[in-house]
Amino acid sequence: MKFSTVLFAAGTLASAALAQKNPLDYINDFPKCAQQCLLTGVSATTCGLDIKCVCTTQAFFDKTVPCIQTNCEDKEEDSARDAAIKLCKEVGGVDVTDKLPPAHEGSTPPPTTPPVKPSPCKARKFRA
């Protein structure tokens, strides 16, 4: 009876391990414009494919975030941000929300400043 219980437990653990995604499977969750940036960021660390290590190493973010901001449109940046949060949380068990720039708020233009009205005062000439 004990042997069958151990065998069942081992089978359950193996099934759970196989159900988890490989870190490389997450690359397709990122937009194409961000994929090379990820590889550059990972290579800036000494972590290899240890996602927990990658997600806690500042060098990864220092390389990846500016690269994505340069190579991706706003919507793609937001998609890459969401994919990074998902990868780090699901595989590495790390919340990286605070290490990433905030998501874009849509395509509303920045507020404009009202035009400056001329002063009603007359300029005075000063004598030296």
Protein backbone atom coordinates (compact mmCIF):
# COMPACT_ATOMS: atom_id res chain seq x y z
CA MET A 1 0.00 0.00 0.00
CA LYS A 2 2.80 2.42 0.84
CA PHE A 3 4.51 1.82 -2.49
CA SER A 4 1.37 2.75 -4.46
CA THR A 5 0.95 5.93 -2.37
CA VAL A 6 4.55 6.95 -3.08
CA LEU A 7 4.12 6.14 -6.76
CA PHE A 8 0.91 8.20 -6.92
CA ALA A 9 2.60 11.18 -5.20
CA ALA A 10 5.58 10.99 -7.57
CA GLY A 11 3.23 10.90 -10.57
CA THR A 12 1.31 13.91 -9.27
CA LEU A 13 4.51 15.92 -8.77
CA ALA A 14 5.75 14.99 -12.24
CA SER A 15 2.44 16.06 -13.78
CA ALA A 16 2.58 19.38 -11.95
CA ALA A 17 6.15 19.98 -13.08
CA LEU A 18 5.25 19.22 -16.70
CA ALA A 19 2.26 21.55 -16.54
CA GLN A 20 4.51 24.55 -15.76
CA LYS A 21 5.73 26.56 -18.70
CA ASN A 22 9.38 26.70 -19.55
CA PRO A 23 10.74 30.27 -19.31
CA LEU A 24 11.49 30.15 -23.03
CA ASP A 25 7.81 29.50 -23.73
CA TYR A 26 7.06 33.02 -22.46
CA ILE A 27 9.11 34.73 -25.18
CA ASN A 28 6.10 34.56 -27.51
CA ASP A 29 4.04 36.53 -24.98
CA PHE A 30 6.28 39.52 -25.74
CA PRO A 31 5.79 41.62 -28.88
CA LYS A 32 8.43 41.09 -31.56
CA CYS A 33 9.92 44.54 -30.91
CA ALA A 34 10.73 43.51 -27.32
CA GLN A 35 12.09 40.01 -27.84
CA GLN A 36 15.66 41.01 -28.72
CA CYS A 37 15.60 43.48 -25.82
CA LEU A 38 14.81 40.60 -23.45
CA LEU A 39 17.73 38.57 -24.71
CA THR A 40 20.02 41.59 -24.33
CA GLY A 41 18.74 42.17 -20.81
CA VAL A 42 19.19 38.54 -19.77
CA SER A 43 22.73 38.50 -21.15
CA ALA A 44 23.49 41.58 -18.99
CA THR A 45 23.03 39.34 -15.94
CA THR A 46 24.84 36.24 -14.73
CA CYS A 47 21.53 34.43 -14.21
CA GLY A 48 21.17 32.39 -17.38
CA LEU A 49 17.56 31.17 -17.47
CA ASP A 50 17.05 31.44 -13.70
CA ILE A 51 14.01 33.72 -13.97
CA LYS A 52 13.88 34.55 -10.26
CA CYS A 53 17.47 35.77 -10.53
CA VAL A 54 16.75 37.71 -13.74
CA CYS A 55 13.66 39.34 -12.24
CA THR A 56 15.60 40.53 -9.19
CA THR A 57 18.68 41.83 -11.03
CA GLN A 58 18.72 45.58 -11.73
CA ALA A 59 21.04 45.15 -14.73
CA PHE A 60 18.25 43.28 -16.53
CA PHE A 61 15.87 46.22 -16.17
CA ASP A 62 18.57 48.79 -16.94
CA LYS A 63 19.16 47.14 -20.34
CA THR A 64 15.67 45.92 -21.20
CA VAL A 65 13.40 48.86 -20.35
CA PRO A 66 15.19 51.54 -22.43
CA CYS A 67 15.53 49.10 -25.34
CA ILE A 68 11.79 48.40 -25.33
CA GLN A 69 10.97 52.11 -25.01
CA THR A 70 13.14 52.82 -28.05
CA ASN A 71 12.00 49.93 -30.25
CA CYS A 72 8.30 49.57 -29.43
CA GLU A 73 5.15 51.66 -29.81
CA ASP A 74 3.13 52.54 -26.67
CA LYS A 75 0.69 49.62 -27.07
CA GLU A 76 3.58 47.18 -27.60
CA GLU A 77 5.39 48.61 -24.56
CA ASP A 78 2.31 47.94 -22.45
CA SER A 79 2.08 44.40 -23.86
CA ALA A 80 5.76 43.81 -23.03
CA ARG A 81 5.20 45.19 -19.52
CA ASP A 82 2.27 42.83 -18.94
CA ALA A 83 4.26 39.86 -20.31
CA ALA A 84 7.24 40.68 -18.03
CA ILE A 85 5.00 40.90 -14.98
CA LYS A 86 3.41 37.55 -15.90
CA LEU A 87 6.76 35.82 -16.55
CA CYS A 88 8.39 37.03 -13.34
CA LYS A 89 5.34 36.22 -11.24
CA GLU A 90 4.47 32.81 -12.71
CA VAL A 91 7.97 31.42 -13.19
CA GLY A 92 10.13 33.39 -10.75
CA GLY A 93 7.58 34.11 -8.04
CA VAL A 94 8.61 37.79 -8.10
CA ASP A 95 6.40 40.89 -8.48
CA VAL A 96 8.25 43.38 -10.69
CA THR A 97 5.44 45.91 -11.12
CA ASP A 98 7.38 48.57 -9.21
CA LYS A 99 10.50 48.07 -11.37
CA LEU A 100 8.70 48.83 -14.63
CA PRO A 101 7.41 52.14 -15.99
CA PRO A 102 3.65 52.59 -15.59
CA ALA A 103 1.35 51.54 -18.41
CA HIS A 104 0.38 54.21 -20.91
CA GLU A 105 -2.96 55.92 -20.34
CA GLY A 106 -4.12 55.81 -23.95
CA SER A 107 -3.31 58.20 -26.72
CA THR A 108 -4.42 61.44 -25.15
CA PRO A 109 -2.03 64.27 -25.98
CA PRO A 110 -0.22 65.98 -23.12
CA PRO A 111 -2.03 69.02 -21.72
CA THR A 112 -1.20 72.30 -23.37
CA THR A 113 -0.44 75.43 -21.41
CA PRO A 114 -2.74 78.38 -22.00
CA PRO A 115 -1.28 81.24 -24.04
CA VAL A 116 0.46 83.93 -22.03
CA LYS A 117 -1.38 87.26 -22.05
CA PRO A 118 0.72 90.39 -22.48
CA SER A 119 1.16 92.47 -19.36
CA PRO A 120 -1.03 95.61 -19.12
CA CYS A 121 1.92 97.49 -17.56
CA LYS A 122 4.03 99.78 -19.68
CA ALA A 123 7.76 99.27 -19.81
CA ARG A 124 9.75 101.93 -17.99
CA LYS A 125 13.06 103.31 -19.06
CA PHE A 126 15.67 103.48 -16.36
CA ARG A 127 18.38 106.12 -16.33
CA ALA A 128 21.86 105.12 -15.38
